[in-house]
Amino acid sequence: MKTATLPALRVSPELRAAAEQALRPDETLSGLMEASLRSFIAQRETNDAFIERGLRARDEAQRSGDYTTVSETMGSLRKMSAAAKTLRGKA
């Protein structure tokens, strides 16, 4: 598989210096930029999927008329929190 290049990135001297300071031993600036881009893409995909699930849930709730009230949701969250605290011994 052939590789491709990305456009050159113009940054301030301060940002470049900060990036160089963040490098680990045996890491290159190009490697850091590639890892950062991969991480950003994964985060964007996760965020997009989260939003998509939320919109589908909204549409299904509107279609079915089956909604959960704020007080029901908060009650469930309080019970989950209390159970987690009990498991950790912080009741």
PDB file of N, CA and C in Angstrom:
ATOM      1  N   MET A   1       0.843  -1.174   0.000  1.00  0.00           N
ATOM      2  CA  MET A   1       0.000   0.000   0.000  1.00  0.00           C
ATOM      3  C   MET A   1       0.887   1.236   0.000  1.00  0.00           C
ATOM      4  N   LYS A   2       0.599   2.164  -0.880  1.00  0.00           N
ATOM      5  CA  LYS A   2       1.351   3.409  -0.931  1.00  0.00           C
ATOM      6  C   LYS A   2       0.897   4.318   0.203  1.00  0.00           C
ATOM      7  N   THR A   3       1.803   5.128   0.685  1.00  0.00           N
ATOM      8  CA  THR A   3       1.432   6.096   1.711  1.00  0.00           C
ATOM      9  C   THR A   3       1.066   7.415   1.053  1.00  0.00           C
ATOM     10  N   ALA A   4       0.398   8.249   1.785  1.00  0.00           N
ATOM     11  CA  ALA A   4       0.016   9.577   1.303  1.00  0.00           C
ATOM     12  C   ALA A   4       0.507  10.606   2.308  1.00  0.00           C
ATOM     13  N   THR A   5       0.570  11.827   1.890  1.00  0.00           N
ATOM     14  CA  THR A   5       0.995  12.888   2.795  1.00  0.00           C
ATOM     15  C   THR A   5      -0.185  13.783   3.121  1.00  0.00           C
ATOM     16  N   LEU A   6      -0.074  14.472   4.246  1.00  0.00           N
ATOM     17  CA  LEU A   6      -1.064  15.465   4.639  1.00  0.00           C
ATOM     18  C   LEU A   6      -0.490  16.844   4.341  1.00  0.00           C
ATOM     19  N   PRO A   7      -1.343  17.845   4.280  1.00  0.00           N
ATOM     20  CA  PRO A   7      -0.838  19.192   4.030  1.00  0.00           C
ATOM     21  C   PRO A   7       0.115  19.640   5.144  1.00  0.00           C
ATOM     22  N   ALA A   8       1.060  20.484   4.762  1.00  0.00           N
ATOM     23  CA  ALA A   8       1.959  21.061   5.760  1.00  0.00           C
ATOM     24  C   ALA A   8       1.125  21.868   6.756  1.00  0.00           C
ATOM     25  N   LEU A   9       1.574  21.893   7.976  1.00  0.00           N
ATOM     26  CA  LEU A   9       0.836  22.563   9.034  1.00  0.00           C
ATOM     27  C   LEU A   9       1.667  23.720   9.565  1.00  0.00           C
ATOM     28  N   ARG A  10       1.192  24.928   9.383  1.00  0.00           N
ATOM     29  CA  ARG A  10       1.897  26.100   9.898  1.00  0.00           C
ATOM     30  C   ARG A  10       1.412  26.361  11.314  1.00  0.00           C
ATOM     31  N   VAL A  11       2.360  26.463  12.239  1.00  0.00           N
ATOM     32  CA  VAL A  11       2.048  26.724  13.649  1.00  0.00           C
ATOM     33  C   VAL A  11       3.000  27.787  14.165  1.00  0.00           C
ATOM     34  N   SER A  12       2.672  28.318  15.310  1.00  0.00           N
ATOM     35  CA  SER A  12       3.556  29.308  15.925  1.00  0.00           C
ATOM     36  C   SER A  12       4.811  28.599  16.445  1.00  0.00           C
ATOM     37  N   PRO A  13       5.903  29.343  16.573  1.00  0.00           N
ATOM     38  CA  PRO A  13       7.121  28.740  17.134  1.00  0.00           C
ATOM     39  C   PRO A  13       6.888  28.177  18.541  1.00  0.00           C
ATOM     40  N   GLU A  14       6.002  28.818  19.306  1.00  0.00           N
ATOM     41  CA  GLU A  14       5.719  28.342  20.664  1.00  0.00           C
ATOM     42  C   GLU A  14       5.024  26.983  20.649  1.00  0.00           C
ATOM     43  N   LEU A  15       4.085  26.798  19.714  1.00  0.00           N
ATOM     44  CA  LEU A  15       3.390  25.516  19.629  1.00  0.00           C
ATOM     45  C   LEU A  15       4.354  24.418  19.187  1.00  0.00           C
ATOM     46  N   ARG A  16       5.202  24.730  18.233  1.00  0.00           N
ATOM     47  CA  ARG A  16       6.180  23.733  17.787  1.00  0.00           C
ATOM     48  C   ARG A  16       7.103  23.350  18.934  1.00  0.00           C
ATOM     49  N   ALA A  17       7.562  24.334  19.693  1.00  0.00           N
ATOM     50  CA  ALA A  17       8.449  24.061  20.826  1.00  0.00           C
ATOM     51  C   ALA A  17       7.733  23.200  21.869  1.00  0.00           C
ATOM     52  N   ALA A  18       6.454  23.502  22.129  1.00  0.00           N
ATOM     53  CA  ALA A  18       5.687  22.716  23.093  1.00  0.00           C
ATOM     54  C   ALA A  18       5.532  21.280  22.609  1.00  0.00           C
ATOM     55  N   ALA A  19       5.287  21.103  21.306  1.00  0.00           N
ATOM     56  CA  ALA A  19       5.147  19.754  20.744  1.00  0.00           C
ATOM     57  C   ALA A  19       6.465  18.993  20.874  1.00  0.00           C
ATOM     58  N   GLU A  20       7.561  19.656  20.596  1.00  0.00           N
ATOM     59  CA  GLU A  20       8.869  18.997  20.705  1.00  0.00           C
ATOM     60  C   GLU A  20       9.171  18.620  22.150  1.00  0.00           C
ATOM     61  N   GLN A  21       8.741  19.456  23.089  1.00  0.00           N
ATOM     62  CA  GLN A  21       8.947  19.150  24.513  1.00  0.00           C
ATOM     63  C   GLN A  21       8.095  17.952  24.957  1.00  0.00           C
ATOM     64  N   ALA A  22       6.976  17.738  24.273  1.00  0.00           N
ATOM     65  CA  ALA A  22       6.073  16.645  24.640  1.00  0.00           C
ATOM     66  C   ALA A  22       6.532  15.294  24.096  1.00  0.00           C
ATOM     67  N   LEU A  23       7.508  15.293  23.217  1.00  0.00           N
ATOM     68  CA  LEU A  23       7.964  14.041  22.615  1.00  0.00           C
ATOM     69  C   LEU A  23       8.550  13.101  23.657  1.00  0.00           C
ATOM     70  N   ARG A  24       8.248  11.839  23.502  1.00  0.00           N
ATOM     71  CA  ARG A  24       8.854  10.786  24.315  1.00  0.00           C
ATOM     72  C   ARG A  24      10.180  10.395  23.669  1.00  0.00           C
ATOM     73  N   PRO A  25      11.044   9.720  24.429  1.00  0.00           N
ATOM     74  CA  PRO A  25      12.289   9.253  23.810  1.00  0.00           C
ATOM     75  C   PRO A  25      11.981   8.386  22.585  1.00  0.00           C
ATOM     76  N   ASP A  26      12.731   8.549  21.552  1.00  0.00           N
ATOM     77  CA  ASP A  26      12.585   7.802  20.294  1.00  0.00           C
ATOM     78  C   ASP A  26      11.285   8.112  19.562  1.00  0.00           C
ATOM     79  N   GLU A  27      10.604   9.204  19.893  1.00  0.00           N
ATOM     80  CA  GLU A  27       9.393   9.593  19.193  1.00  0.00           C
ATOM     81  C   GLU A  27       9.721  10.792  18.307  1.00  0.00           C
ATOM     82  N   THR A  28       9.140  10.815  17.135  1.00  0.00           N
ATOM     83  CA  THR A  28       9.359  11.930  16.225  1.00  0.00           C
ATOM     84  C   THR A  28       8.162  12.859  16.235  1.00  0.00           C
ATOM     85  N   LEU A  29       8.384  14.060  15.764  1.00  0.00           N
ATOM     86  CA  LEU A  29       7.286  15.005  15.655  1.00  0.00           C
ATOM     87  C   LEU A  29       6.232  14.480  14.682  1.00  0.00           C
ATOM     88  N   SER A  30       6.676  13.877  13.590  1.00  0.00           N
ATOM     89  CA  SER A  30       5.732  13.280  12.634  1.00  0.00           C
ATOM     90  C   SER A  30       4.929  12.166  13.290  1.00  0.00           C
ATOM     91  N   GLY A  31       5.593  11.334  14.092  1.00  0.00           N
ATOM     92  CA  GLY A  31       4.896  10.252  14.786  1.00  0.00           C
ATOM     93  C   GLY A  31       3.873  10.780  15.773  1.00  0.00           C
ATOM     94  N   LEU A  32       4.244  11.845  16.490  1.00  0.00           N
ATOM     95  CA  LEU A  32       3.315  12.459  17.436  1.00  0.00           C
ATOM     96  C   LEU A  32       2.099  13.018  16.702  1.00  0.00           C
ATOM     97  N   MET A  33       2.349  13.681  15.573  1.00  0.00           N
ATOM     98  CA  MET A  33       1.237  14.253  14.806  1.00  0.00           C
ATOM     99  C   MET A  33       0.326  13.158  14.261  1.00  0.00           C
ATOM    100  N   GLU A  34       0.916  12.060  13.782  1.00  0.00           N
ATOM    101  CA  GLU A  34       0.103  10.956  13.272  1.00  0.00           C
ATOM    102  C   GLU A  34      -0.725  10.333  14.395  1.00  0.00           C
ATOM    103  N   ALA A  35      -0.102  10.098  15.550  1.00  0.00           N
ATOM    104  CA  ALA A  35      -0.827   9.512  16.687  1.00  0.00           C
ATOM    105  C   ALA A  35      -1.950  10.442  17.144  1.00  0.00           C
ATOM    106  N   SER A  36      -1.669  11.740  17.156  1.00  0.00           N
ATOM    107  CA  SER A  36      -2.688  12.709  17.564  1.00  0.00           C
ATOM    108  C   SER A  36      -3.862  12.711  16.587  1.00  0.00           C
ATOM    109  N   LEU A  37      -3.562  12.637  15.302  1.00  0.00           N
ATOM    110  CA  LEU A  37      -4.618  12.618  14.292  1.00  0.00           C
ATOM    111  C   LEU A  37      -5.461  11.350  14.411  1.00  0.00           C
ATOM    112  N   ARG A  38      -4.799  10.204  14.612  1.00  0.00           N
ATOM    113  CA  ARG A  38      -5.545   8.951  14.784  1.00  0.00           C
ATOM    114  C   ARG A  38      -6.452   9.023  16.012  1.00  0.00           C
ATOM    115  N   SER A  39      -5.926   9.572  17.097  1.00  0.00           N
ATOM    116  CA  SER A  39      -6.704   9.702  18.329  1.00  0.00           C
ATOM    117  C   SER A  39      -7.898  10.626  18.121  1.00  0.00           C
ATOM    118  N   PHE A  40      -7.672  11.736  17.432  1.00  0.00           N
ATOM    119  CA  PHE A  40      -8.755  12.676  17.163  1.00  0.00           C
ATOM    120  C   PHE A  40      -9.842  12.034  16.309  1.00  0.00           C
ATOM    121  N   ILE A  41      -9.436  11.294  15.296  1.00  0.00           N
ATOM    122  CA  ILE A  41     -10.410  10.629  14.414  1.00  0.00           C
ATOM    123  C   ILE A  41     -11.238   9.624  15.209  1.00  0.00           C
ATOM    124  N   ALA A  42     -10.593   8.850  16.065  1.00  0.00           N
ATOM    125  CA  ALA A  42     -11.325   7.871  16.894  1.00  0.00           C
ATOM    126  C   ALA A  42     -12.294   8.590  17.820  1.00  0.00           C
ATOM    127  N   GLN A  43     -11.852   9.705  18.412  1.00  0.00           N
ATOM    128  CA  GLN A  43     -12.723  10.467  19.308  1.00  0.00           C
ATOM    129  C   GLN A  43     -13.907  11.048  18.534  1.00  0.00           C
ATOM    130  N   ARG A  44     -13.667  11.552  17.343  1.00  0.00           N
ATOM    131  CA  ARG A  44     -14.739  12.119  16.520  1.00  0.00           C
ATOM    132  C   ARG A  44     -15.744  11.032  16.156  1.00  0.00           C
ATOM    133  N   GLU A  45     -15.256   9.840  15.786  1.00  0.00           N
ATOM    134  CA  GLU A  45     -16.160   8.739  15.432  1.00  0.00           C
ATOM    135  C   GLU A  45     -17.007   8.326  16.624  1.00  0.00           C
ATOM    136  N   THR A  46     -16.387   8.261  17.798  1.00  0.00           N
ATOM    137  CA  THR A  46     -17.116   7.910  19.018  1.00  0.00           C
ATOM    138  C   THR A  46     -18.179   8.953  19.326  1.00  0.00           C
ATOM    139  N   ASN A  47     -17.820  10.220  19.197  1.00  0.00           N
ATOM    140  CA  ASN A  47     -18.758  11.301  19.454  1.00  0.00           C
ATOM    141  C   ASN A  47     -19.915  11.272  18.458  1.00  0.00           C
ATOM    142  N   ASP A  48     -19.605  11.075  17.189  1.00  0.00           N
ATOM    143  CA  ASP A  48     -20.659  11.002  16.172  1.00  0.00           C
ATOM    144  C   ASP A  48     -21.616   9.838  16.439  1.00  0.00           C
ATOM    145  N   ALA A  49     -21.064   8.689  16.837  1.00  0.00           N
ATOM    146  CA  ALA A  49     -21.900   7.523  17.131  1.00  0.00           C
ATOM    147  C   ALA A  49     -22.794   7.799  18.343  1.00  0.00           C
ATOM    148  N   PHE A  50     -22.256   8.483  19.359  1.00  0.00           N
ATOM    149  CA  PHE A  50     -23.030   8.839  20.551  1.00  0.00           C
ATOM    150  C   PHE A  50     -24.214   9.727  20.167  1.00  0.00           C
ATOM    151  N   ILE A  51     -23.936  10.736  19.355  1.00  0.00           N
ATOM    152  CA  ILE A  51     -25.001  11.640  18.921  1.00  0.00           C
ATOM    153  C   ILE A  51     -26.043  10.888  18.104  1.00  0.00           C
ATOM    154  N   GLU A  52     -25.590  10.016  17.215  1.00  0.00           N
ATOM    155  CA  GLU A  52     -26.511   9.236  16.395  1.00  0.00           C
ATOM    156  C   GLU A  52     -27.424   8.364  17.265  1.00  0.00           C
ATOM    157  N   ARG A  53     -26.842   7.711  18.300  1.00  0.00           N
ATOM    158  CA  ARG A  53     -27.666   6.888  19.202  1.00  0.00           C
ATOM    159  C   ARG A  53     -28.681   7.752  19.939  1.00  0.00           C
ATOM    160  N   GLY A  54     -28.258   8.930  20.367  1.00  0.00           N
ATOM    161  CA  GLY A  54     -29.169   9.835  21.064  1.00  0.00           C
ATOM    162  C   GLY A  54     -30.317  10.291  20.183  1.00  0.00           C
ATOM    163  N   LEU A  55     -29.998  10.609  18.942  1.00  0.00           N
ATOM    164  CA  LEU A  55     -31.058  11.033  18.012  1.00  0.00           C
ATOM    165  C   LEU A  55     -32.024   9.893  17.706  1.00  0.00           C
ATOM    166  N   ARG A  56     -31.482   8.672  17.574  1.00  0.00           N
ATOM    167  CA  ARG A  56     -32.367   7.518  17.340  1.00  0.00           C
ATOM    168  C   ARG A  56     -33.268   7.295  18.554  1.00  0.00           C
ATOM    169  N   ALA A  57     -32.699   7.426  19.763  1.00  0.00           N
ATOM    170  CA  ALA A  57     -33.496   7.245  20.977  1.00  0.00           C
ATOM    171  C   ALA A  57     -34.577   8.314  21.071  1.00  0.00           C
ATOM    172  N   ARG A  58     -34.226   9.552  20.713  1.00  0.00           N
ATOM    173  CA  ARG A  58     -35.224  10.625  20.713  1.00  0.00           C
ATOM    174  C   ARG A  58     -36.350  10.315  19.741  1.00  0.00           C
ATOM    175  N   ASP A  59     -35.981   9.901  18.533  1.00  0.00           N
ATOM    176  CA  ASP A  59     -36.988   9.592  17.518  1.00  0.00           C
ATOM    177  C   ASP A  59     -37.887   8.444  17.968  1.00  0.00           C
ATOM    178  N   GLU A  60     -37.295   7.425  18.582  1.00  0.00           N
ATOM    179  CA  GLU A  60     -38.085   6.279  19.065  1.00  0.00           C
ATOM    180  C   GLU A  60     -39.019   6.714  20.190  1.00  0.00           C
ATOM    181  N   ALA A  61     -38.536   7.583  21.085  1.00  0.00           N
ATOM    182  CA  ALA A  61     -39.384   8.067  22.170  1.00  0.00           C
ATOM    183  C   ALA A  61     -40.549   8.884  21.609  1.00  0.00           C
ATOM    184  N   GLN A  62     -40.257   9.710  20.616  1.00  0.00           N
ATOM    185  CA  GLN A  62     -41.337  10.492  20.000  1.00  0.00           C
ATOM    186  C   GLN A  62     -42.334   9.577  19.302  1.00  0.00           C
ATOM    187  N   ARG A  63     -41.834   8.556  18.618  1.00  0.00           N
ATOM    188  CA  ARG A  63     -42.706   7.631  17.901  1.00  0.00           C
ATOM    189  C   ARG A  63     -43.596   6.850  18.862  1.00  0.00           C
ATOM    190  N   SER A  64     -42.982   6.352  19.950  1.00  0.00           N
ATOM    191  CA  SER A  64     -43.716   5.478  20.872  1.00  0.00           C
ATOM    192  C   SER A  64     -44.448   6.243  21.967  1.00  0.00           C
ATOM    193  N   GLY A  65     -44.009   7.479  22.227  1.00  0.00           N
ATOM    194  CA  GLY A  65     -44.605   8.234  23.326  1.00  0.00           C
ATOM    195  C   GLY A  65     -44.119   7.760  24.679  1.00  0.00           C
ATOM    196  N   ASP A  66     -43.110   6.892  24.690  1.00  0.00           N
ATOM    197  CA  ASP A  66     -42.576   6.322  25.934  1.00  0.00           C
ATOM    198  C   ASP A  66     -41.381   7.148  26.397  1.00  0.00           C
ATOM    199  N   TYR A  67     -41.637   8.039  27.350  1.00  0.00           N
ATOM    200  CA  TYR A  67     -40.594   8.915  27.876  1.00  0.00           C
ATOM    201  C   TYR A  67     -40.315   8.572  29.329  1.00  0.00           C
ATOM    202  N   THR A  68     -39.131   8.882  29.784  1.00  0.00           N
ATOM    203  CA  THR A  68     -38.768   8.742  31.185  1.00  0.00           C
ATOM    204  C   THR A  68     -38.651  10.142  31.767  1.00  0.00           C
ATOM    205  N   THR A  69     -39.279  10.380  32.908  1.00  0.00           N
ATOM    206  CA  THR A  69     -39.232  11.716  33.504  1.00  0.00           C
ATOM    207  C   THR A  69     -37.867  11.964  34.128  1.00  0.00           C
ATOM    208  N   VAL A  70     -37.582  13.228  34.362  1.00  0.00           N
ATOM    209  CA  VAL A  70     -36.324  13.610  35.006  1.00  0.00           C
ATOM    210  C   VAL A  70     -36.252  12.986  36.396  1.00  0.00           C
ATOM    211  N   SER A  71     -37.345  13.005  37.134  1.00  0.00           N
ATOM    212  CA  SER A  71     -37.314  12.464  38.500  1.00  0.00           C
ATOM    213  C   SER A  71     -37.079  10.946  38.486  1.00  0.00           C
ATOM    214  N   GLU A  72     -37.632  10.248  37.498  1.00  0.00           N
ATOM    215  CA  GLU A  72     -37.371   8.804  37.383  1.00  0.00           C
ATOM    216  C   GLU A  72     -35.896   8.545  37.073  1.00  0.00           C
ATOM    217  N   THR A  73     -35.361   9.318  36.158  1.00  0.00           N
ATOM    218  CA  THR A  73     -33.952   9.158  35.791  1.00  0.00           C
ATOM    219  C   THR A  73     -33.053   9.472  36.973  1.00  0.00           C
ATOM    220  N   MET A  74     -33.320  10.579  37.658  1.00  0.00           N
ATOM    221  CA  MET A  74     -32.490  10.957  38.807  1.00  0.00           C
ATOM    222  C   MET A  74     -32.606   9.931  39.926  1.00  0.00           C
ATOM    223  N   GLY A  75     -33.792   9.389  40.119  1.00  0.00           N
ATOM    224  CA  GLY A  75     -33.960   8.345  41.137  1.00  0.00           C
ATOM    225  C   GLY A  75     -33.122   7.122  40.815  1.00  0.00           C
ATOM    226  N   SER A  76     -33.123   6.716  39.554  1.00  0.00           N
ATOM    227  CA  SER A  76     -32.305   5.568  39.135  1.00  0.00           C
ATOM    228  C   SER A  76     -30.820   5.856  39.334  1.00  0.00           C
ATOM    229  N   LEU A  77     -30.398   7.057  38.976  1.00  0.00           N
ATOM    230  CA  LEU A  77     -28.982   7.413  39.139  1.00  0.00           C
ATOM    231  C   LEU A  77     -28.582   7.446  40.614  1.00  0.00           C
ATOM    232  N   ARG A  78     -29.467   7.947  41.463  1.00  0.00           N
ATOM    233  CA  ARG A  78     -29.165   7.969  42.900  1.00  0.00           C
ATOM    234  C   ARG A  78     -29.026   6.551  43.457  1.00  0.00           C
ATOM    235  N   LYS A  79     -29.901   5.651  43.013  1.00  0.00           N
ATOM    236  CA  LYS A  79     -29.809   4.259  43.460  1.00  0.00           C
ATOM    237  C   LYS A  79     -28.509   3.617  42.986  1.00  0.00           C
ATOM    238  N   MET A  80     -28.131   3.883  41.746  1.00  0.00           N
ATOM    239  CA  MET A  80     -26.886   3.325  41.219  1.00  0.00           C
ATOM    240  C   MET A  80     -25.692   3.877  41.987  1.00  0.00           C
ATOM    241  N   SER A  81     -25.720   5.165  42.287  1.00  0.00           N
ATOM    242  CA  SER A  81     -24.628   5.790  43.033  1.00  0.00           C
ATOM    243  C   SER A  81     -24.532   5.214  44.441  1.00  0.00           C
ATOM    244  N   ALA A  82     -25.672   5.044  45.094  1.00  0.00           N
ATOM    245  CA  ALA A  82     -25.683   4.476  46.449  1.00  0.00           C
ATOM    246  C   ALA A  82     -25.153   3.044  46.437  1.00  0.00           C
ATOM    247  N   ALA A  83     -25.543   2.267  45.444  1.00  0.00           N
ATOM    248  CA  ALA A  83     -25.063   0.886  45.342  1.00  0.00           C
ATOM    249  C   ALA A  83     -23.558   0.846  45.117  1.00  0.00           C
ATOM    250  N   ALA A  84     -23.050   1.738  44.285  1.00  0.00           N
ATOM    251  CA  ALA A  84     -21.606   1.773  44.020  1.00  0.00           C
ATOM    252  C   ALA A  84     -20.847   2.170  45.278  1.00  0.00           C
ATOM    253  N   LYS A  85     -21.384   3.132  46.023  1.00  0.00           N
ATOM    254  CA  LYS A  85     -20.735   3.565  47.274  1.00  0.00           C
ATOM    255  C   LYS A  85     -20.737   2.422  48.288  1.00  0.00           C
ATOM    256  N   THR A  86     -21.835   1.680  48.351  1.00  0.00           N
ATOM    257  CA  THR A  86     -21.925   0.541  49.276  1.00  0.00           C
ATOM    258  C   THR A  86     -20.875  -0.506  48.914  1.00  0.00           C
ATOM    259  N   LEU A  87     -20.729  -0.782  47.623  1.00  0.00           N
ATOM    260  CA  LEU A  87     -19.724  -1.757  47.185  1.00  0.00           C
ATOM    261  C   LEU A  87     -18.319  -1.331  47.541  1.00  0.00           C
ATOM    262  N   ARG A  88     -18.064  -0.018  47.526  1.00  0.00           N
ATOM    263  CA  ARG A  88     -16.740   0.501  47.880  1.00  0.00           C
ATOM    264  C   ARG A  88     -16.590   0.672  49.379  1.00  0.00           C
ATOM    265  N   GLY A  89     -17.667   0.473  50.112  1.00  0.00           N
ATOM    266  CA  GLY A  89     -17.598   0.600  51.567  1.00  0.00           C
ATOM    267  C   GLY A  89     -17.678   2.032  52.058  1.00  0.00           C
ATOM    268  N   LYS A  90     -18.331   2.896  51.282  1.00  0.00           N
ATOM    269  CA  LYS A  90     -18.439   4.288  51.656  1.00  0.00           C
ATOM    270  C   LYS A  90     -19.894   4.690  51.893  1.00  0.00           C
ATOM    271  N   ALA A  91     -20.668   3.791  52.401  1.00  0.00           N
ATOM    272  CA  ALA A  91     -22.099   4.069  52.584  1.00  0.00           C
ATOM    273  C   ALA A  91     -22.351   5.068  53.607  1.00  0.00           C
TER     274      ALA A  91
END
